Amino acid sequence: MINDKKVLFSAMQATGNLTLGNYLGALKNWTTLSDEYECFFAVADLHSITVRQDPAEFRKNARKLLTLFIAAGIDPEKNCIYYQSQVSAHAELAWILNCFTYMGELSRMTQFKDKSAKHADNINAGLFTYPALMAADILLYQADVVPVGKDQMQHLELTRDIAERFNAIYGDVFTIPEAYLGKAGAKIMSLQDPTKKMSKSDENANGSIYLMDDPDTIRRKFKRAVTDSEGAVRYSESQPGIMNLIDIYSTCTGKTAEEVEKEFEGQGYGVFKEAVGDAVVAVLEPLQKRFEELSKNKEYIDNCIKNNAEKAAYTATKTLRKVQKKVGFSEKIR
């Protein structure tokens, strides 16, 4: 059977705890993409070690993340959900692409500058060459589209440049990926600082809703959410805290911002915050229940990991062998 679907690739790092922002902004949308695309979703554990990790905690987080993918509704039979580190072609292609990537290009990456500032005691070579590995992730699967936020667009542009450079030398080897321009995920901001994205690494735990937070914790965090003194539920840039809460409520309920404004017209922030908390609890409780069920089914998750790693390796190896032949590596004697 010929699969004429376009290929989509995306990944999340295996560090920290996923937030409501990760779910509403990306993961929730991934669940609908497999009807339209052939999807590869990676647990990006190779990328994660540019920052020192506790090995036991790291393994636990990686498995938790892969399990959350499935709990969120991503079917491991229809999609390829795998650990990046278990497909050696990622690292092998990354080295080759390093040799087609210029120092000046890497030094311009804003994420390198940001992470270097945060981890000044560990500015390692992996942090610098990170975009070449990201390019390998995408190009290995001949991805047509990649869902990216503004903070990753620079990396996708570099991936395109590397692929075009390689193709210009060796012919039509790589598909040139485009940014995914489907339904955009909601951009969820911190509850304590609505000028910043909700983050797994936020030092203020009250700024983020984590996917495994219990209902009481979720409601408490929304009660403490930063608002303003205007007292009206309006979707206005002069009220970034309220805008963020409206975005969250809208995404959880399917209502438009205008409908939300009308629903809470004349009501105080306390009533609105309580309603947002309830809406988030209603969305996360089924996911949490499914995650707990899956976590207890070790054999099922182990089989998913094994089967999907094999699926990913099969596709990735086809591209890698083609690249190795193009650059002149000797073939294995079989």
Protein backbone atom coordinates (compact mmCIF):
# COMPACT_ATOMS: atom_id res chain seq x y z
CA MET A 1 0.00 0.00 0.00
CA ILE A 2 1.40 3.40 -0.98
CA ASN A 3 1.31 6.03 1.75
CA ASP A 4 0.85 9.39 0.06
CA LYS A 5 0.65 11.39 3.30
CA LYS A 6 3.18 14.15 3.85
CA VAL A 7 5.63 13.58 6.70
CA LEU A 8 5.57 15.66 9.90
CA PHE A 9 8.30 15.64 12.55
CA SER A 10 8.28 17.14 16.02
CA ALA A 11 9.98 16.50 19.36
CA MET A 12 10.02 17.50 23.02
CA GLN A 13 12.96 17.45 25.41
CA ALA A 14 12.98 14.83 28.15
CA THR A 15 13.58 17.28 30.99
CA GLY A 16 11.35 18.70 33.68
CA ASN A 17 7.59 18.32 33.88
CA LEU A 18 5.31 19.22 30.98
CA THR A 19 3.15 22.26 31.55
CA LEU A 20 -0.32 23.25 30.46
CA GLY A 21 1.47 25.43 27.88
CA ASN A 22 3.21 22.39 26.38
CA TYR A 23 -0.12 20.58 26.21
CA LEU A 24 -2.37 23.33 24.82
CA GLY A 25 0.36 24.80 22.62
CA ALA A 26 1.65 21.58 21.05
CA LEU A 27 0.71 18.16 22.40
CA LYS A 28 -3.07 18.63 22.12
CA ASN A 29 -2.68 19.51 18.43
CA TRP A 30 -0.36 16.58 17.73
CA THR A 31 -3.22 14.20 18.45
CA THR A 32 -5.16 15.45 15.43
CA LEU A 33 -2.26 15.51 12.97
CA SER A 34 -1.98 11.78 12.23
CA ASP A 35 -5.14 11.87 10.14
CA GLU A 36 -3.45 14.27 7.74
CA TYR A 37 0.27 13.41 8.11
CA GLU A 38 2.62 10.52 8.66
CA CYS A 39 3.94 11.65 12.04
CA PHE A 40 7.24 11.08 13.84
CA PHE A 41 7.25 12.31 17.43
CA ALA A 42 10.55 12.05 19.31
CA VAL A 43 11.50 12.22 22.96
CA ALA A 44 14.53 14.44 22.41
CA ASP A 45 16.86 12.92 24.97
CA LEU A 46 20.05 13.58 22.94
CA HIS A 47 19.27 17.29 22.98
CA SER A 48 18.59 17.18 26.71
CA ILE A 49 22.16 16.38 27.77
CA THR A 50 23.59 19.75 26.73
CA VAL A 51 22.59 20.46 30.35
CA ARG A 52 23.79 18.03 33.03
CA GLN A 53 21.10 15.51 34.01
CA ASP A 54 20.70 13.16 36.96
CA PRO A 55 20.74 9.78 35.13
CA ALA A 56 17.99 8.04 37.12
CA GLU A 57 15.71 11.09 37.03
CA PHE A 58 16.46 11.60 33.34
CA ARG A 59 15.43 8.04 32.43
CA LYS A 60 12.27 8.43 34.51
CA ASN A 61 11.38 11.72 32.82
CA ALA A 62 11.96 10.30 29.34
CA ARG A 63 9.61 7.37 29.95
CA LYS A 64 7.07 9.69 31.58
CA LEU A 65 7.14 11.96 28.53
CA LEU A 66 6.67 9.11 26.07
CA THR A 67 3.80 7.78 28.20
CA LEU A 68 2.23 11.26 28.25
CA PHE A 69 2.33 11.35 24.45
CA ILE A 70 0.15 8.24 24.41
CA ALA A 71 -2.05 9.40 27.31
CA ALA A 72 -2.75 12.62 25.42
CA GLY A 73 -4.22 10.57 22.58
CA ILE A 74 -1.31 10.01 20.19
CA ASP A 75 -1.81 6.48 18.83
CA PRO A 76 1.53 4.58 18.80
CA GLU A 77 0.15 2.34 16.04
CA LYS A 78 -0.67 5.22 13.68
CA ASN A 79 2.30 7.41 14.67
CA CYS A 80 5.97 6.76 15.40
CA ILE A 81 6.72 7.74 19.01
CA TYR A 82 10.29 6.99 20.03
CA TYR A 83 13.40 7.89 22.01
CA GLN A 84 15.80 9.89 19.84
CA SER A 85 18.81 8.21 21.51
CA GLN A 86 17.61 4.76 20.45
CA VAL A 87 17.96 5.62 16.75
CA SER A 88 21.72 5.98 16.22
CA ALA A 89 21.19 7.56 12.79
CA HIS A 90 20.38 10.87 14.57
CA ALA A 91 23.90 11.18 15.97
CA GLU A 92 25.54 9.80 12.82
CA LEU A 93 23.79 12.23 10.48
CA ALA A 94 24.38 15.10 12.90
CA TRP A 95 28.14 14.62 12.55
CA ILE A 96 27.93 14.69 8.75
CA LEU A 97 25.74 17.81 8.83
CA ASN A 98 28.19 19.47 11.24
CA CYS A 99 30.64 19.32 8.35
CA PHE A 100 28.18 21.24 6.15
CA THR A 101 27.29 23.86 8.77
CA TYR A 102 29.32 27.04 9.21
CA MET A 103 30.59 28.40 12.51
CA GLY A 104 29.07 31.78 11.75
CA GLU A 105 25.64 30.23 11.29
CA LEU A 106 25.83 28.45 14.63
CA SER A 107 27.13 31.49 16.49
CA ARG A 108 24.10 33.51 15.37
CA MET A 109 21.62 31.13 17.01
CA THR A 110 19.80 33.06 19.73
CA GLN A 111 19.09 29.87 21.71
CA PHE A 112 22.84 29.24 22.03
CA LYS A 113 23.29 32.74 23.40
CA ASP A 114 20.38 32.34 25.82
CA LYS A 115 21.44 28.92 27.11
CA SER A 116 25.06 30.02 27.41
CA ALA A 117 23.93 32.88 29.64
CA LYS A 118 21.88 30.48 31.81
CA HIS A 119 24.59 27.80 32.01
CA ALA A 120 27.78 29.86 31.98
CA ASP A 121 29.69 27.08 33.78
CA ASN A 122 28.84 24.53 31.06
CA ILE A 123 29.08 26.11 27.61
CA ASN A 124 29.84 22.86 25.82
CA ALA A 125 30.32 22.05 22.14
CA GLY A 126 26.99 20.20 22.06
CA LEU A 127 25.22 23.41 23.02
CA PHE A 128 26.90 25.12 20.07
CA THR A 129 26.25 22.37 17.49
CA TYR A 130 22.73 21.63 18.78
CA PRO A 131 21.10 23.00 15.55
CA ALA A 132 22.97 20.45 13.39
CA LEU A 133 21.44 17.65 15.48
CA MET A 134 18.05 19.31 15.14
CA ALA A 135 18.56 19.43 11.38
CA ALA A 136 19.43 15.72 11.42
CA ASP A 137 16.25 14.96 13.40
CA ILE A 138 14.11 16.57 10.72
CA LEU A 139 16.00 15.55 7.57
CA LEU A 140 16.35 11.87 8.53
CA TYR A 141 12.62 11.38 8.08
CA GLN A 142 12.40 13.52 4.94
CA ALA A 143 9.92 15.69 6.86
CA ASP A 144 7.74 17.94 4.74
CA VAL A 145 6.52 19.98 7.69
CA VAL A 146 7.67 20.82 11.21
CA PRO A 147 5.42 22.56 13.79
CA VAL A 148 7.56 25.34 15.26
CA GLY A 149 7.07 28.31 17.52
CA LYS A 150 8.86 31.62 17.01
CA ASP A 151 11.73 30.48 19.24
CA GLN A 152 12.47 27.52 16.93
CA MET A 153 11.94 29.21 13.55
CA GLN A 154 15.61 30.19 13.36
CA HIS A 155 16.63 26.53 13.71
CA LEU A 156 14.22 25.45 10.97
CA GLU A 157 15.61 28.11 8.65
CA LEU A 158 19.12 26.80 9.30
CA THR A 159 17.91 23.23 8.64
CA ARG A 160 16.60 24.40 5.27
CA ASP A 161 19.90 26.12 4.49
CA ILE A 162 21.91 22.99 5.36
CA ALA A 163 19.61 20.75 3.29
CA GLU A 164 19.76 23.08 0.29
CA ARG A 165 23.57 23.29 0.58
CA PHE A 166 23.88 19.50 0.68
CA ASN A 167 21.44 19.04 -2.20
CA ALA A 168 23.31 21.59 -4.31
CA ILE A 169 26.46 19.49 -3.99
CA TYR A 170 25.07 15.93 -4.12
CA GLY A 171 21.68 16.16 -5.84
CA ASP A 172 18.17 15.68 -4.53
CA VAL A 173 18.91 13.96 -1.20
CA PHE A 174 16.85 15.82 1.41
CA THR A 175 13.28 17.07 1.40
CA ILE A 176 13.31 20.81 2.22
CA PRO A 177 11.01 21.14 5.25
CA GLU A 178 8.41 23.86 5.70
CA ALA A 179 7.03 25.31 8.92
CA TYR A 180 3.71 23.72 9.84
CA LEU A 181 1.05 26.32 9.15
CA GLY A 182 -2.00 24.45 10.35
CA LYS A 183 -4.10 25.48 13.33
CA ALA A 184 -1.74 27.28 15.68
CA GLY A 185 -1.55 26.09 19.25
CA ALA A 186 -2.38 28.51 22.01
CA LYS A 187 0.58 30.44 23.38
CA ILE A 188 0.19 30.09 27.13
CA MET A 189 2.01 32.55 29.36
CA SER A 190 3.21 32.36 32.96
CA LEU A 191 0.49 32.91 35.57
CA GLN A 192 2.92 35.05 37.58
CA ASP A 193 4.54 36.96 34.69
CA PRO A 194 2.27 37.09 31.63
CA THR A 195 5.06 38.63 29.52
CA LYS A 196 6.89 35.26 29.56
CA LYS A 197 5.87 31.86 28.23
CA MET A 198 4.77 29.25 30.75
CA SER A 199 7.89 27.17 31.24
CA LYS A 200 8.99 23.80 32.61
CA SER A 201 12.01 25.56 34.13
CA ASP A 202 10.21 28.47 35.80
CA GLU A 203 11.73 29.01 39.25
CA ASN A 204 8.34 30.16 40.51
CA ALA A 205 6.17 27.00 40.60
CA ASN A 206 3.04 29.17 40.83
CA GLY A 207 3.74 30.47 37.32
CA SER A 208 3.15 27.09 35.67
CA ILE A 209 0.39 24.49 35.69
CA TYR A 210 2.03 21.07 35.39
CA LEU A 211 0.11 18.27 33.69
CA MET A 212 0.26 16.11 36.81
CA ASP A 213 -0.86 18.86 39.22
CA ASP A 214 -3.84 17.74 41.30
CA PRO A 215 -7.14 19.68 41.07
CA ASP A 216 -6.61 21.59 44.33
CA THR A 217 -3.15 22.73 43.23
CA ILE A 218 -4.46 23.83 39.83
CA ARG A 219 -7.29 25.87 41.34
CA ARG A 220 -4.96 27.41 43.92
CA LYS A 221 -2.47 28.52 41.25
CA PHE A 222 -5.23 30.18 39.22
CA LYS A 223 -6.49 32.00 42.31
CA ARG A 224 -2.97 33.44 42.70
CA ALA A 225 -2.62 34.35 39.00
CA VAL A 226 -1.48 37.92 38.34
CA THR A 227 -4.20 40.18 36.92
CA ASP A 228 -4.61 43.97 37.18
CA SER A 229 -6.72 46.64 38.82
CA GLU A 230 -9.18 47.22 35.95
CA GLY A 231 -11.64 44.63 37.21
CA ALA A 232 -13.13 43.73 33.82
CA VAL A 233 -12.69 40.47 31.89
CA ARG A 234 -11.55 41.92 28.56
CA TYR A 235 -9.25 40.58 25.86
CA SER A 236 -6.94 43.57 25.76
CA GLU A 237 -3.16 43.94 25.46
CA SER A 238 -3.36 46.40 28.35
CA GLN A 239 -4.46 43.41 30.48
CA PRO A 240 -1.90 40.68 29.67
CA GLY A 241 -2.77 38.57 32.71
CA ILE A 242 -6.47 38.50 31.82
CA MET A 243 -5.65 37.92 28.15
CA ASN A 244 -3.67 34.84 29.15
CA LEU A 245 -6.50 33.51 31.32
CA ILE A 246 -8.98 34.07 28.48
CA ASP A 247 -6.67 32.19 26.09
CA ILE A 248 -6.51 29.26 28.53
CA TYR A 249 -10.27 29.24 29.13
CA SER A 250 -11.01 29.58 25.39
CA THR A 251 -8.71 26.71 24.46
CA CYS A 252 -10.14 24.45 27.17
CA THR A 253 -13.81 25.21 26.42
CA GLY A 254 -13.77 25.95 22.68
CA LYS A 255 -15.32 29.38 23.27
CA THR A 256 -14.13 32.52 21.50
CA ALA A 257 -12.62 35.45 23.40
CA GLU A 258 -15.79 37.45 22.66
CA GLU A 259 -17.96 34.70 24.14
CA VAL A 260 -15.77 34.59 27.25
CA GLU A 261 -16.03 38.37 27.69
CA LYS A 262 -19.82 38.15 27.44
CA GLU A 263 -20.01 35.18 29.84
CA PHE A 264 -18.13 37.05 32.57
CA GLU A 265 -19.40 40.56 31.92
CA GLY A 266 -19.94 42.39 35.20
CA GLN A 267 -18.32 39.60 37.24
CA GLY A 268 -15.15 39.91 39.27
CA TYR A 269 -11.79 38.30 38.65
CA GLY A 270 -12.35 35.81 41.48
CA VAL A 271 -15.31 34.22 39.68
CA PHE A 272 -13.42 34.16 36.39
CA LYS A 273 -10.28 32.60 37.89
CA GLU A 274 -12.36 29.91 39.55
CA ALA A 275 -14.01 29.09 36.21
CA VAL A 276 -10.63 28.90 34.44
CA GLY A 277 -9.32 26.54 37.13
CA ASP A 278 -12.39 24.30 36.77
CA ALA A 279 -12.03 24.23 32.97
CA VAL A 280 -8.37 23.20 33.20
CA VAL A 281 -9.14 20.50 35.75
CA ALA A 282 -11.83 19.12 33.41
CA VAL A 283 -9.32 18.94 30.55
CA LEU A 284 -6.44 17.43 32.54
CA GLU A 285 -8.27 14.87 34.68
CA PRO A 286 -8.91 12.39 31.80
CA LEU A 287 -5.28 12.74 30.66
CA GLN A 288 -4.02 12.14 34.21
CA LYS A 289 -6.26 9.09 34.61
CA ARG A 290 -5.07 7.62 31.30
CA PHE A 291 -1.43 8.34 32.23
CA GLU A 292 -1.84 6.46 35.54
CA GLU A 293 -3.37 3.48 33.72
CA LEU A 294 -0.59 3.39 31.13
CA SER A 295 2.14 3.78 33.75
CA LYS A 296 0.96 0.57 35.42
CA ASN A 297 1.05 -1.34 32.10
CA LYS A 298 4.83 -1.79 31.80
CA GLU A 299 4.61 -4.45 29.11
CA TYR A 300 2.48 -2.29 26.83
CA ILE A 301 4.77 0.75 27.12
CA ASP A 302 7.87 -1.43 26.66
CA ASN A 303 6.36 -2.86 23.46
CA CYS A 304 5.52 0.61 22.20
CA ILE A 305 9.11 1.73 22.83
CA LYS A 306 10.60 -1.32 21.09
CA ASN A 307 8.27 -1.33 18.07
CA ASN A 308 8.43 2.41 17.47
CA ALA A 309 12.24 2.51 17.79
CA GLU A 310 12.38 -0.14 15.06
CA LYS A 311 9.97 1.86 12.86
CA ALA A 312 11.96 5.05 13.33
CA ALA A 313 15.30 3.29 12.69
CA TYR A 314 14.01 1.72 9.46
CA THR A 315 13.07 5.11 7.97
CA ALA A 316 16.09 6.94 9.38
CA THR A 317 18.59 4.33 8.18
CA LYS A 318 17.35 4.60 4.59
CA THR A 319 18.17 8.31 4.57
CA LEU A 320 21.48 7.84 6.40
CA ARG A 321 22.73 5.20 3.95
CA LYS A 322 21.87 7.45 1.04
CA VAL A 323 23.81 10.32 2.62
CA GLN A 324 26.79 8.09 3.47
CA LYS A 325 26.99 6.91 -0.12
CA LYS A 326 26.77 10.48 -1.45
CA VAL A 327 29.66 11.75 0.69
CA GLY A 328 31.81 8.77 -0.29
CA PHE A 329 31.85 6.51 2.77
CA SER A 330 32.73 2.90 2.01
CA GLU A 331 29.88 0.43 2.03
CA LYS A 332 29.76 -2.31 4.67
CA ILE A 333 30.75 -5.77 3.45
CA ARG A 334 27.80 -8.03 4.21
